[in-house]
Amino acid sequence: MHEHHDHARSWDGVGTARFNPTVLCDQCNAADGVAKRRLKLPENFSFTPTEIGQFVTSQPHGKHVLDLAMAERIYRSLWTRSENGFRRRL
């Protein structure tokens, strides 16, 4: 288990987080980084736990499966929502 936090908010509290820190399993927490690296997303972007749940399929006693196409759709959909200030954050 690991704490998952929004990388847009720095360790000194500067920035606006999209979600509060929460505890996720190791593989779900790692899925955020894997998706960002493979899709070449900004390092200071983080998927919310709910968003991770939309592109990760857990496997009992096995590796989780990532749907990178879904992760990309989630990320791209954030750019169309002007009301959340997402563009200003990154």
C-alpha atoms as a PDB file:
ATOM      1  CA  MET A   1       0.000   0.000   0.000  1.00  0.00           C
ATOM      2  CA  HIS A   2       1.223   3.480  -0.894  1.00  0.00           C
ATOM      3  CA  GLU A   3       0.057   7.054  -0.511  1.00  0.00           C
ATOM      4  CA  HIS A   4      -1.076   8.439  -3.859  1.00  0.00           C
ATOM      5  CA  HIS A   5      -0.961  12.226  -4.138  1.00  0.00           C
ATOM      6  CA  ASP A   6      -1.385  14.874  -6.799  1.00  0.00           C
ATOM      7  CA  HIS A   7       2.034  15.800  -8.205  1.00  0.00           C
ATOM      8  CA  ALA A   8       0.770  19.247  -9.197  1.00  0.00           C
ATOM      9  CA  ARG A   9       0.901  20.100  -5.501  1.00  0.00           C
ATOM     10  CA  SER A  10       4.475  20.290  -4.317  1.00  0.00           C
ATOM     11  CA  TRP A  11       5.704  18.824  -1.042  1.00  0.00           C
ATOM     12  CA  ASP A  12       5.761  22.320   0.482  1.00  0.00           C
ATOM     13  CA  GLY A  13       2.025  22.728  -0.159  1.00  0.00           C
ATOM     14  CA  VAL A  14       2.308  25.019  -3.170  1.00  0.00           C
ATOM     15  CA  GLY A  15      -0.188  24.398  -5.946  1.00  0.00           C
ATOM     16  CA  THR A  16      -3.761  23.167  -6.165  1.00  0.00           C
ATOM     17  CA  ALA A  17      -4.458  19.464  -5.828  1.00  0.00           C
ATOM     18  CA  ARG A  18      -7.241  17.784  -7.801  1.00  0.00           C
ATOM     19  CA  PHE A  19      -7.654  15.223  -5.009  1.00  0.00           C
ATOM     20  CA  ASN A  20      -6.606  14.555  -1.438  1.00  0.00           C
ATOM     21  CA  PRO A  21      -3.819  12.060  -0.758  1.00  0.00           C
ATOM     22  CA  THR A  22      -5.182   8.542  -0.464  1.00  0.00           C
ATOM     23  CA  VAL A  23      -3.860   5.011  -0.035  1.00  0.00           C
ATOM     24  CA  LEU A  24      -3.753   2.719  -3.084  1.00  0.00           C
ATOM     25  CA  CYS A  25      -2.233  -0.675  -3.690  1.00  0.00           C
ATOM     26  CA  ASP A  26       1.297  -0.649  -5.082  1.00  0.00           C
ATOM     27  CA  GLN A  27       0.232  -1.574  -8.620  1.00  0.00           C
ATOM     28  CA  CYS A  28      -2.540   1.028  -8.838  1.00  0.00           C
ATOM     29  CA  ASN A  29      -0.182   3.695  -7.531  1.00  0.00           C
ATOM     30  CA  ALA A  30       2.473   2.633 -10.059  1.00  0.00           C
ATOM     31  CA  ALA A  31      -0.113   2.652 -12.883  1.00  0.00           C
ATOM     32  CA  ASP A  32      -0.231   6.443 -12.644  1.00  0.00           C
ATOM     33  CA  GLY A  33       3.486   6.712 -13.410  1.00  0.00           C
ATOM     34  CA  VAL A  34       3.463   4.001 -16.072  1.00  0.00           C
ATOM     35  CA  ALA A  35       0.606   5.670 -17.947  1.00  0.00           C
ATOM     36  CA  LYS A  36       2.249   9.097 -17.731  1.00  0.00           C
ATOM     37  CA  ARG A  37       5.575   7.788 -19.045  1.00  0.00           C
ATOM     38  CA  ARG A  38       4.119   5.735 -21.891  1.00  0.00           C
ATOM     39  CA  LEU A  39       1.737   8.515 -22.964  1.00  0.00           C
ATOM     40  CA  LYS A  40       4.413  11.205 -22.461  1.00  0.00           C
ATOM     41  CA  LEU A  41       2.186  13.202 -20.111  1.00  0.00           C
ATOM     42  CA  PRO A  42       3.514  15.996 -17.892  1.00  0.00           C
ATOM     43  CA  GLU A  43       5.381  14.794 -14.788  1.00  0.00           C
ATOM     44  CA  ASN A  44       3.379  17.125 -12.558  1.00  0.00           C
ATOM     45  CA  PHE A  45       0.076  15.573 -13.695  1.00  0.00           C
ATOM     46  CA  SER A  46      -1.545  12.831 -11.608  1.00  0.00           C
ATOM     47  CA  PHE A  47      -4.590  10.713 -12.318  1.00  0.00           C
ATOM     48  CA  THR A  48      -7.147  10.722  -9.512  1.00  0.00           C
ATOM     49  CA  PRO A  49      -7.896   7.408  -7.795  1.00  0.00           C
ATOM     50  CA  THR A  50     -11.252   7.295  -9.618  1.00  0.00           C
ATOM     51  CA  GLU A  51      -9.553   7.875 -12.973  1.00  0.00           C
ATOM     52  CA  ILE A  52      -7.015   5.124 -12.229  1.00  0.00           C
ATOM     53  CA  GLY A  53      -9.928   2.810 -11.526  1.00  0.00           C
ATOM     54  CA  GLN A  54     -11.236   3.525 -15.021  1.00  0.00           C
ATOM     55  CA  PHE A  55      -8.085   2.383 -16.837  1.00  0.00           C
ATOM     56  CA  VAL A  56      -6.732  -0.318 -14.487  1.00  0.00           C
ATOM     57  CA  THR A  57      -8.164  -3.816 -14.229  1.00  0.00           C
ATOM     58  CA  SER A  58      -6.880  -5.606 -11.162  1.00  0.00           C
ATOM     59  CA  GLN A  59      -5.957  -9.272 -11.283  1.00  0.00           C
ATOM     60  CA  PRO A  60      -6.062 -11.369  -8.103  1.00  0.00           C
ATOM     61  CA  HIS A  61      -2.512 -12.471  -7.305  1.00  0.00           C
ATOM     62  CA  GLY A  62      -1.295 -11.123 -10.650  1.00  0.00           C
ATOM     63  CA  LYS A  63      -0.208  -7.974 -12.441  1.00  0.00           C
ATOM     64  CA  HIS A  64      -2.836  -5.322 -13.069  1.00  0.00           C
ATOM     65  CA  VAL A  65      -3.774  -4.634 -16.693  1.00  0.00           C
ATOM     66  CA  LEU A  66      -3.597  -1.050 -17.933  1.00  0.00           C
ATOM     67  CA  ASP A  67      -5.791   0.291 -20.727  1.00  0.00           C
ATOM     68  CA  LEU A  68      -3.545   3.070 -21.999  1.00  0.00           C
ATOM     69  CA  ALA A  69      -6.084   4.160 -24.618  1.00  0.00           C
ATOM     70  CA  MET A  70      -8.569   4.814 -21.803  1.00  0.00           C
ATOM     71  CA  ALA A  71      -5.929   6.660 -19.774  1.00  0.00           C
ATOM     72  CA  GLU A  72      -5.250   8.892 -22.757  1.00  0.00           C
ATOM     73  CA  ARG A  73      -8.985   9.552 -23.261  1.00  0.00           C
ATOM     74  CA  ILE A  74      -9.287  10.533 -19.592  1.00  0.00           C
ATOM     75  CA  TYR A  75      -6.328  12.895 -19.845  1.00  0.00           C
ATOM     76  CA  ARG A  76      -7.545  14.458 -23.112  1.00  0.00           C
ATOM     77  CA  SER A  77     -11.055  14.910 -21.695  1.00  0.00           C
ATOM     78  CA  LEU A  78      -9.622  17.085 -18.928  1.00  0.00           C
ATOM     79  CA  TRP A  79      -8.456  19.582 -21.536  1.00  0.00           C
ATOM     80  CA  THR A  80     -12.034  20.064 -22.749  1.00  0.00           C
ATOM     81  CA  ARG A  81     -13.308  20.976 -19.284  1.00  0.00           C
ATOM     82  CA  SER A  82     -12.573  24.656 -18.892  1.00  0.00           C
ATOM     83  CA  GLU A  83     -14.386  24.895 -15.549  1.00  0.00           C
ATOM     84  CA  ASN A  84     -11.842  22.817 -13.624  1.00  0.00           C
ATOM     85  CA  GLY A  85      -8.879  25.092 -14.339  1.00  0.00           C
ATOM     86  CA  PHE A  86      -6.839  22.118 -15.529  1.00  0.00           C
ATOM     87  CA  ARG A  87      -4.987  24.082 -18.207  1.00  0.00           C
ATOM     88  CA  ARG A  88      -3.834  26.665 -15.677  1.00  0.00           C
ATOM     89  CA  ARG A  89      -2.443  23.975 -13.380  1.00  0.00           C
ATOM     90  CA  LEU A  90       0.019  22.400 -15.841  1.00  0.00           C
END
